[in-house]
């Protein structure tokens, strides 16, 4: 499954990522007020402007060329990207946190929506769960006031080990 990743920002200035099945899926959730800031829970959330990522392997530029073009910018302040070593460290740290989250949740598989409802209704003990749900099930859960957070398919036990 291919996901669209958008940079989002709430009316309080908090910036975060949103993962959506499509641009239309984002628009639908935004129109229904289903998007919420993970920091302050504001539902006034909008997509930030962002450039598409282009993977042009043949167009590699040296750090000096990149720095030179950045210093030639007409206006504004420049922000340097992390060095390759720093980026690898950041990615390793993020992966370590994701592994910990996956380890601390119970995989309920295709029964995710059912189990989330049971916990919400007090029929079973609340606990951290993960699993699979259709877009319709996720929308129904949101309409029922049950907070869920879609995560990419690749964040499972086997692939994160």
N, C-alpha and C. Protein backbone atom coordinates (compact mmCIF):
# COMPACT_ATOMS: atom_id res chain seq x y z
N UNK A 1 0.84 -1.18 0.00
CA UNK A 1 0.00 0.00 0.00
C UNK A 1 0.88 1.23 0.00
N UNK A 2 0.65 2.12 -0.91
CA UNK A 2 1.39 3.37 -1.01
C UNK A 2 0.66 4.45 -0.24
N UNK A 3 1.38 5.17 0.60
CA UNK A 3 0.76 6.20 1.41
C UNK A 3 1.28 7.58 1.02
N UNK A 4 0.44 8.58 1.18
CA UNK A 4 0.83 9.98 1.00
C UNK A 4 1.20 10.52 2.37
N UNK A 5 2.35 11.16 2.46
CA UNK A 5 2.79 11.76 3.71
C UNK A 5 2.75 13.27 3.54
N UNK A 6 1.97 13.93 4.40
CA UNK A 6 1.85 15.38 4.34
C UNK A 6 2.35 15.99 5.63
N UNK A 7 2.98 17.15 5.53
CA UNK A 7 3.31 17.94 6.70
C UNK A 7 2.07 18.73 7.07
N UNK A 8 1.65 18.60 8.31
CA UNK A 8 0.44 19.26 8.79
C UNK A 8 0.81 20.24 9.89
N UNK A 9 -0.05 21.24 10.10
CA UNK A 9 0.17 22.21 11.16
C UNK A 9 -1.17 22.62 11.74
N UNK A 10 -1.23 22.68 13.07
CA UNK A 10 -2.46 23.10 13.73
C UNK A 10 -2.45 24.62 13.90
N UNK A 11 -3.56 25.17 14.36
CA UNK A 11 -3.67 26.61 14.53
C UNK A 11 -2.79 27.14 15.67
N UNK A 12 -2.24 26.24 16.48
CA UNK A 12 -1.33 26.64 17.55
C UNK A 12 0.14 26.60 17.10
N UNK A 13 0.37 26.20 15.84
CA UNK A 13 1.72 26.20 15.30
C UNK A 13 2.46 24.89 15.40
N UNK A 14 1.85 23.85 15.95
CA UNK A 14 2.52 22.55 16.05
C UNK A 14 2.56 21.89 14.68
N UNK A 15 3.73 21.40 14.30
CA UNK A 15 3.93 20.76 13.01
C UNK A 15 4.09 19.26 13.22
N UNK A 16 3.43 18.46 12.38
CA UNK A 16 3.51 17.01 12.50
C UNK A 16 3.19 16.39 11.15
N UNK A 17 3.47 15.10 11.02
CA UNK A 17 3.21 14.38 9.77
C UNK A 17 1.86 13.69 9.83
N UNK A 18 1.24 13.58 8.67
CA UNK A 18 0.03 12.79 8.53
C UNK A 18 0.21 11.82 7.38
N UNK A 19 -0.19 10.58 7.56
CA UNK A 19 -0.06 9.53 6.54
C UNK A 19 -1.46 9.20 6.05
N UNK A 20 -1.67 9.29 4.75
CA UNK A 20 -3.00 9.11 4.18
C UNK A 20 -2.96 8.17 2.99
N UNK A 21 -4.07 7.50 2.75
CA UNK A 21 -4.17 6.59 1.61
C UNK A 21 -4.10 7.36 0.29
N UNK A 22 -4.56 8.61 0.30
CA UNK A 22 -4.56 9.43 -0.92
C UNK A 22 -4.77 10.88 -0.52
N UNK A 23 -4.58 11.78 -1.47
CA UNK A 23 -4.86 13.19 -1.22
C UNK A 23 -6.35 13.38 -0.94
N UNK A 24 -7.19 12.63 -1.64
CA UNK A 24 -8.63 12.71 -1.40
C UNK A 24 -8.98 12.25 0.01
N UNK A 25 -8.27 11.23 0.51
CA UNK A 25 -8.49 10.75 1.86
C UNK A 25 -8.16 11.85 2.88
N UNK A 26 -7.06 12.57 2.65
CA UNK A 26 -6.72 13.70 3.52
C UNK A 26 -7.85 14.73 3.49
N UNK A 27 -8.28 15.12 2.28
CA UNK A 27 -9.32 16.13 2.13
C UNK A 27 -10.60 15.71 2.86
N UNK A 28 -10.98 14.45 2.73
CA UNK A 28 -12.19 13.93 3.36
C UNK A 28 -12.08 14.02 4.89
N UNK A 29 -10.95 13.55 5.44
CA UNK A 29 -10.77 13.59 6.89
C UNK A 29 -10.72 15.03 7.40
N UNK A 30 -10.07 15.90 6.65
CA UNK A 30 -9.94 17.29 7.05
C UNK A 30 -11.32 17.96 7.05
N UNK A 31 -12.12 17.70 6.02
CA UNK A 31 -13.46 18.28 5.92
C UNK A 31 -14.37 17.81 7.05
N UNK A 32 -14.19 16.57 7.50
CA UNK A 32 -15.03 16.02 8.57
C UNK A 32 -14.52 16.36 9.96
N UNK A 33 -13.37 17.06 10.04
CA UNK A 33 -12.81 17.41 11.34
C UNK A 33 -12.21 16.25 12.08
N UNK A 34 -11.78 15.22 11.35
CA UNK A 34 -11.23 14.02 11.98
C UNK A 34 -9.75 14.16 12.31
N UNK A 35 -9.09 15.18 11.77
CA UNK A 35 -7.67 15.36 12.02
C UNK A 35 -7.47 16.13 13.32
N UNK A 36 -6.53 15.67 14.13
CA UNK A 36 -6.25 16.34 15.39
C UNK A 36 -4.76 16.43 15.64
N UNK A 37 -4.35 17.53 16.22
CA UNK A 37 -2.94 17.73 16.56
C UNK A 37 -2.55 16.77 17.69
N UNK A 38 -1.45 16.03 17.53
CA UNK A 38 -1.04 15.11 18.59
C UNK A 38 -0.48 15.81 19.82
N UNK A 39 -0.19 17.11 19.71
CA UNK A 39 0.37 17.86 20.84
C UNK A 39 -0.75 18.50 21.67
N UNK A 40 -1.64 19.25 21.00
CA UNK A 40 -2.66 20.01 21.74
C UNK A 40 -4.09 19.56 21.46
N UNK A 41 -4.26 18.60 20.57
CA UNK A 41 -5.56 18.04 20.20
C UNK A 41 -6.47 19.03 19.46
N UNK A 42 -5.89 20.11 18.93
CA UNK A 42 -6.68 21.04 18.12
C UNK A 42 -7.11 20.33 16.85
N UNK A 43 -8.34 20.59 16.43
CA UNK A 43 -8.84 20.00 15.19
C UNK A 43 -8.81 21.00 14.03
N UNK A 44 -8.19 22.15 14.26
CA UNK A 44 -7.97 23.12 13.18
C UNK A 44 -6.61 22.82 12.58
N UNK A 45 -6.59 21.86 11.67
CA UNK A 45 -5.35 21.34 11.08
C UNK A 45 -5.38 21.58 9.57
N UNK A 46 -4.25 22.05 9.06
CA UNK A 46 -4.12 22.27 7.62
C UNK A 46 -2.82 21.69 7.11
N UNK A 47 -2.80 21.42 5.83
CA UNK A 47 -1.61 20.89 5.17
C UNK A 47 -0.65 22.05 4.91
N UNK A 48 0.62 21.85 5.25
CA UNK A 48 1.64 22.86 4.96
C UNK A 48 2.10 22.70 3.52
N UNK A 49 2.58 23.77 2.95
CA UNK A 49 3.18 23.68 1.63
C UNK A 49 4.48 22.92 1.73
N UNK A 50 4.70 22.00 0.82
CA UNK A 50 5.96 21.26 0.82
C UNK A 50 6.28 20.84 -0.60
N UNK A 51 7.56 20.74 -0.85
CA UNK A 51 8.02 20.34 -2.18
C UNK A 51 8.02 18.82 -2.27
N UNK A 52 7.72 18.28 -3.44
CA UNK A 52 7.79 16.82 -3.59
C UNK A 52 9.23 16.36 -3.52
N UNK A 53 9.40 15.16 -3.05
CA UNK A 53 10.75 14.57 -3.00
C UNK A 53 11.00 13.88 -4.33
N UNK A 54 12.05 14.29 -4.99
CA UNK A 54 12.42 13.68 -6.26
C UNK A 54 13.69 12.87 -6.06
N UNK A 55 13.65 11.61 -6.39
CA UNK A 55 14.82 10.75 -6.25
C UNK A 55 15.53 10.70 -7.60
N UNK A 56 16.47 11.59 -7.79
CA UNK A 56 17.21 11.67 -9.04
C UNK A 56 18.63 11.18 -8.79
N UNK A 57 18.82 9.89 -8.79
CA UNK A 57 20.11 9.29 -8.47
C UNK A 57 21.24 9.79 -9.34
N UNK A 58 20.97 10.13 -10.61
CA UNK A 58 22.02 10.58 -11.52
C UNK A 58 22.42 12.03 -11.27
N UNK A 59 21.65 12.76 -10.51
CA UNK A 59 21.91 14.19 -10.33
C UNK A 59 22.54 14.48 -8.97
N UNK A 60 23.47 13.66 -8.54
CA UNK A 60 24.11 13.86 -7.25
C UNK A 60 24.98 15.11 -7.30
N UNK A 61 24.90 15.91 -6.26
CA UNK A 61 25.70 17.12 -6.18
C UNK A 61 26.58 17.04 -4.95
N UNK A 62 27.70 17.68 -5.01
CA UNK A 62 28.61 17.67 -3.87
C UNK A 62 28.05 18.57 -2.77
N UNK A 63 28.53 18.36 -1.54
CA UNK A 63 28.10 19.21 -0.43
C UNK A 63 28.45 20.66 -0.70
N UNK A 64 29.60 20.90 -1.33
CA UNK A 64 30.01 22.27 -1.63
C UNK A 64 29.04 22.92 -2.61
N UNK A 65 28.61 22.19 -3.62
CA UNK A 65 27.67 22.74 -4.59
C UNK A 65 26.33 23.04 -3.94
N UNK A 66 25.89 22.15 -3.06
CA UNK A 66 24.62 22.37 -2.36
C UNK A 66 24.74 23.58 -1.45
N UNK A 67 25.84 23.68 -0.70
CA UNK A 67 26.04 24.81 0.19
C UNK A 67 26.13 26.10 -0.61
N UNK A 68 26.79 26.07 -1.76
CA UNK A 68 26.91 27.25 -2.60
C UNK A 68 25.57 27.72 -3.11
N UNK A 69 24.73 26.80 -3.52
CA UNK A 69 23.42 27.21 -4.03
C UNK A 69 22.54 27.71 -2.90
N UNK A 70 22.69 27.17 -1.70
CA UNK A 70 21.90 27.64 -0.57
C UNK A 70 22.33 29.04 -0.17
N UNK A 71 23.64 29.34 -0.22
CA UNK A 71 24.10 30.66 0.18
C UNK A 71 23.72 31.71 -0.85
N UNK A 72 23.41 31.28 -2.06
CA UNK A 72 23.01 32.22 -3.09
C UNK A 72 21.53 32.50 -3.09
N UNK A 73 20.82 32.02 -2.09
CA UNK A 73 19.38 32.26 -2.02
C UNK A 73 19.11 33.75 -1.91
N UNK A 74 18.03 34.18 -2.54
CA UNK A 74 17.74 35.61 -2.61
C UNK A 74 17.29 36.19 -1.27
N UNK A 75 16.57 35.41 -0.46
CA UNK A 75 16.07 35.97 0.78
C UNK A 75 15.86 34.88 1.81
N UNK A 76 15.57 35.31 3.04
CA UNK A 76 15.27 34.36 4.10
C UNK A 76 16.52 33.81 4.75
N UNK A 77 16.31 33.02 5.78
CA UNK A 77 17.44 32.41 6.46
C UNK A 77 17.58 30.97 6.00
N UNK A 78 18.80 30.51 5.93
CA UNK A 78 19.07 29.15 5.46
C UNK A 78 19.19 28.22 6.65
N UNK A 79 18.75 27.01 6.48
CA UNK A 79 18.88 25.98 7.50
C UNK A 79 19.64 24.82 6.87
N UNK A 80 20.73 24.42 7.50
CA UNK A 80 21.54 23.33 6.96
C UNK A 80 20.91 21.99 7.28
N UNK A 81 20.95 21.10 6.33
CA UNK A 81 20.46 19.73 6.54
C UNK A 81 21.49 18.98 7.38
N UNK A 82 21.06 18.00 8.16
CA UNK A 82 22.01 17.23 8.95
C UNK A 82 23.00 16.50 8.04
N UNK A 83 24.21 16.34 8.53
CA UNK A 83 25.21 15.58 7.79
C UNK A 83 24.76 14.12 7.70
N UNK A 84 25.34 13.39 6.75
CA UNK A 84 24.93 11.99 6.53
C UNK A 84 25.04 11.17 7.81
N UNK A 85 26.10 11.34 8.57
CA UNK A 85 26.28 10.61 9.82
C UNK A 85 25.21 10.96 10.84
N UNK A 86 24.89 12.24 10.93
CA UNK A 86 23.84 12.67 11.85
C UNK A 86 22.48 12.12 11.42
N UNK A 87 22.24 12.11 10.13
CA UNK A 87 20.96 11.60 9.62
C UNK A 87 20.83 10.11 9.94
N UNK A 88 21.91 9.36 9.78
CA UNK A 88 21.88 7.94 10.10
C UNK A 88 21.59 7.73 11.58
N UNK A 89 22.18 8.57 12.44
CA UNK A 89 21.93 8.47 13.87
C UNK A 89 20.47 8.78 14.19
N UNK A 90 19.93 9.82 13.56
CA UNK A 90 18.53 10.17 13.78
C UNK A 90 17.60 9.04 13.34
N UNK A 91 17.88 8.47 12.18
CA UNK A 91 17.05 7.38 11.68
C UNK A 91 17.14 6.17 12.60
N UNK A 92 18.33 5.86 13.10
CA UNK A 92 18.50 4.74 14.02
C UNK A 92 17.72 4.98 15.31
N UNK A 93 17.74 6.21 15.79
CA UNK A 93 17.01 6.56 17.01
C UNK A 93 15.50 6.42 16.80
N UNK A 94 15.01 6.90 15.68
CA UNK A 94 13.58 6.78 15.37
C UNK A 94 13.19 5.31 15.29
N UNK A 95 14.00 4.51 14.60
CA UNK A 95 13.71 3.08 14.46
C UNK A 95 13.71 2.39 15.82
N UNK A 96 14.62 2.79 16.70
CA UNK A 96 14.67 2.21 18.05
C UNK A 96 13.37 2.51 18.80
N UNK A 97 12.88 3.73 18.69
CA UNK A 97 11.63 4.10 19.35
C UNK A 97 10.44 3.34 18.75
N UNK A 98 10.42 3.21 17.45
CA UNK A 98 9.33 2.47 16.79
C UNK A 98 9.33 1.02 17.25
N UNK A 99 10.51 0.42 17.32
CA UNK A 99 10.60 -0.98 17.79
C UNK A 99 10.03 -1.11 19.20
N UNK A 100 10.35 -0.14 20.06
CA UNK A 100 9.85 -0.18 21.44
C UNK A 100 8.33 -0.07 21.46
N UNK A 101 7.78 0.79 20.64
CA UNK A 101 6.32 0.94 20.58
C UNK A 101 5.67 -0.35 20.11
N UNK A 102 6.23 -0.96 19.07
CA UNK A 102 5.67 -2.21 18.55
C UNK A 102 5.74 -3.30 19.61
N UNK A 103 6.86 -3.37 20.34
CA UNK A 103 7.00 -4.39 21.39
C UNK A 103 6.00 -4.18 22.52
N UNK A 104 5.61 -2.93 22.76
CA UNK A 104 4.73 -2.66 23.91
C UNK A 104 3.24 -2.67 23.55
N UNK A 105 2.92 -3.10 22.33
CA UNK A 105 1.52 -3.20 21.93
C UNK A 105 1.16 -4.64 21.59
N UNK A 106 -0.11 -4.94 21.71
CA UNK A 106 -0.60 -6.27 21.37
C UNK A 106 -1.17 -6.24 19.95
N UNK A 107 -0.73 -7.15 19.11
CA UNK A 107 -1.23 -7.22 17.75
C UNK A 107 -2.52 -8.04 17.75
N UNK A 108 -3.65 -7.37 17.51
CA UNK A 108 -4.94 -8.05 17.48
C UNK A 108 -5.39 -8.34 16.05
N UNK A 109 -4.54 -8.03 15.09
CA UNK A 109 -4.80 -8.35 13.69
C UNK A 109 -6.06 -7.71 13.15
N UNK A 110 -6.84 -8.50 12.42
CA UNK A 110 -8.04 -8.00 11.75
C UNK A 110 -9.17 -7.67 12.73
N UNK A 111 -9.00 -8.03 13.99
CA UNK A 111 -10.04 -7.74 15.00
C UNK A 111 -9.82 -6.37 15.65
N UNK A 112 -8.99 -5.52 15.03
CA UNK A 112 -8.64 -4.24 15.63
C UNK A 112 -9.87 -3.39 15.96
N UNK A 113 -10.74 -3.17 14.98
CA UNK A 113 -11.91 -2.30 15.19
C UNK A 113 -12.81 -2.87 16.30
N UNK A 114 -13.04 -4.17 16.24
CA UNK A 114 -13.88 -4.83 17.25
C UNK A 114 -13.28 -4.68 18.65
N UNK A 115 -11.98 -4.91 18.75
CA UNK A 115 -11.31 -4.84 20.06
C UNK A 115 -11.26 -3.40 20.57
N UNK A 116 -11.04 -2.44 19.68
CA UNK A 116 -11.03 -1.03 20.08
C UNK A 116 -12.40 -0.61 20.63
N UNK A 117 -13.46 -1.07 19.98
CA UNK A 117 -14.82 -0.78 20.46
C UNK A 117 -15.06 -1.41 21.83
N UNK A 118 -14.63 -2.65 21.99
CA UNK A 118 -14.83 -3.35 23.28
C UNK A 118 -14.13 -2.59 24.40
N UNK A 119 -12.92 -2.10 24.15
CA UNK A 119 -12.21 -1.33 25.17
C UNK A 119 -12.93 -0.01 25.43
N UNK A 120 -13.36 0.66 24.37
CA UNK A 120 -14.05 1.94 24.50
C UNK A 120 -15.35 1.79 25.30
N UNK A 121 -16.05 0.68 25.08
CA UNK A 121 -17.32 0.43 25.77
C UNK A 121 -17.14 -0.18 27.16
N UNK A 122 -15.90 -0.41 27.59
CA UNK A 122 -15.64 -0.96 28.91
C UNK A 122 -15.87 -2.45 29.02
N UNK A 123 -15.99 -3.15 27.89
CA UNK A 123 -16.22 -4.59 27.91
C UNK A 123 -14.95 -5.38 28.17
N UNK A 124 -13.80 -4.76 27.94
CA UNK A 124 -12.52 -5.41 28.19
C UNK A 124 -11.53 -4.37 28.68
N UNK A 125 -10.48 -4.83 29.30
CA UNK A 125 -9.47 -3.94 29.87
C UNK A 125 -8.77 -3.12 28.78
N UNK A 126 -8.56 -1.83 29.06
CA UNK A 126 -7.85 -0.99 28.09
C UNK A 126 -6.38 -1.36 28.07
N UNK A 127 -5.82 -1.42 26.86
CA UNK A 127 -4.41 -1.73 26.68
C UNK A 127 -3.99 -1.19 25.32
N UNK A 128 -2.71 -1.12 25.10
CA UNK A 128 -2.20 -0.64 23.81
C UNK A 128 -2.31 -1.77 22.79
N UNK A 129 -3.07 -1.51 21.72
CA UNK A 129 -3.25 -2.53 20.69
C UNK A 129 -2.88 -1.95 19.33
N UNK A 130 -2.63 -2.85 18.40
CA UNK A 130 -2.44 -2.48 17.00
C UNK A 130 -3.00 -3.61 16.17
N UNK A 131 -3.28 -3.33 14.92
CA UNK A 131 -3.85 -4.34 14.04
C UNK A 131 -4.22 -3.71 12.72
N UNK A 132 -5.11 -4.36 12.01
CA UNK A 132 -5.51 -3.85 10.71
C UNK A 132 -6.99 -3.46 10.75
N UNK A 133 -7.29 -2.41 10.00
CA UNK A 133 -8.67 -1.94 9.87
C UNK A 133 -8.83 -1.32 8.50
N UNK A 134 -9.99 -1.48 7.94
CA UNK A 134 -10.26 -0.88 6.64
C UNK A 134 -10.44 0.63 6.83
N UNK A 135 -10.32 1.40 5.76
CA UNK A 135 -10.59 2.84 5.88
C UNK A 135 -11.99 3.12 6.44
N UNK A 136 -12.96 2.31 6.04
CA UNK A 136 -14.33 2.50 6.54
C UNK A 136 -14.39 2.24 8.05
N UNK A 137 -13.71 1.19 8.51
CA UNK A 137 -13.70 0.90 9.95
C UNK A 137 -13.04 2.04 10.72
N UNK A 138 -11.93 2.56 10.19
CA UNK A 138 -11.25 3.67 10.87
C UNK A 138 -12.15 4.90 10.93
N UNK A 139 -12.87 5.17 9.86
CA UNK A 139 -13.78 6.31 9.83
C UNK A 139 -14.92 6.12 10.84
N UNK A 140 -15.47 4.90 10.90
CA UNK A 140 -16.55 4.62 11.86
C UNK A 140 -16.05 4.78 13.29
N UNK A 141 -14.84 4.29 13.57
CA UNK A 141 -14.28 4.43 14.91
C UNK A 141 -14.15 5.91 15.27
N UNK A 142 -13.65 6.72 14.34
CA UNK A 142 -13.50 8.15 14.59
C UNK A 142 -14.85 8.81 14.85
N UNK A 143 -15.87 8.43 14.09
CA UNK A 143 -17.21 8.98 14.28
C UNK A 143 -17.79 8.59 15.63
N UNK A 144 -17.36 7.45 16.16
CA UNK A 144 -17.82 6.98 17.47
C UNK A 144 -17.00 7.58 18.61
N UNK A 145 -16.02 8.41 18.26
CA UNK A 145 -15.18 9.04 19.28
C UNK A 145 -14.04 8.17 19.77
N UNK A 146 -13.69 7.16 19.00
CA UNK A 146 -12.61 6.26 19.36
C UNK A 146 -11.37 6.68 18.58
N UNK A 147 -10.38 7.17 19.30
CA UNK A 147 -9.16 7.68 18.65
C UNK A 147 -8.28 6.53 18.19
N UNK A 148 -7.93 6.56 16.92
CA UNK A 148 -7.01 5.58 16.35
C UNK A 148 -5.98 6.33 15.53
N UNK A 149 -4.83 5.72 15.36
CA UNK A 149 -3.78 6.33 14.57
C UNK A 149 -3.28 5.32 13.55
N UNK A 150 -3.57 5.55 12.27
CA UNK A 150 -3.07 4.63 11.25
C UNK A 150 -1.54 4.67 11.19
N UNK A 151 -0.93 3.51 11.07
CA UNK A 151 0.51 3.44 10.90
C UNK A 151 0.81 2.63 9.64
N UNK A 152 1.93 2.88 9.01
CA UNK A 152 2.26 2.15 7.78
C UNK A 152 2.37 0.65 8.01
N UNK A 153 2.06 -0.11 6.96
CA UNK A 153 2.10 -1.56 7.03
C UNK A 153 3.48 -2.10 7.39
N UNK A 154 4.54 -1.39 7.03
CA UNK A 154 5.88 -1.92 7.27
C UNK A 154 6.28 -1.88 8.74
N UNK A 155 5.48 -1.27 9.59
CA UNK A 155 5.81 -1.21 11.01
C UNK A 155 5.22 -2.41 11.74
N UNK A 156 5.71 -3.60 11.41
CA UNK A 156 5.23 -4.79 12.09
C UNK A 156 6.39 -5.52 12.75
N UNK A 157 6.06 -6.54 13.53
CA UNK A 157 7.06 -7.26 14.32
C UNK A 157 8.21 -7.80 13.47
N UNK A 158 7.87 -8.51 12.41
CA UNK A 158 8.88 -9.22 11.63
C UNK A 158 9.86 -8.29 10.93
N UNK A 159 9.37 -7.21 10.38
CA UNK A 159 10.23 -6.32 9.60
C UNK A 159 11.06 -5.39 10.48
N UNK A 160 10.68 -5.21 11.73
CA UNK A 160 11.41 -4.29 12.60
C UNK A 160 12.47 -4.98 13.43
N UNK A 161 12.60 -6.27 13.34
CA UNK A 161 13.59 -6.99 14.16
C UNK A 161 14.99 -6.88 13.60
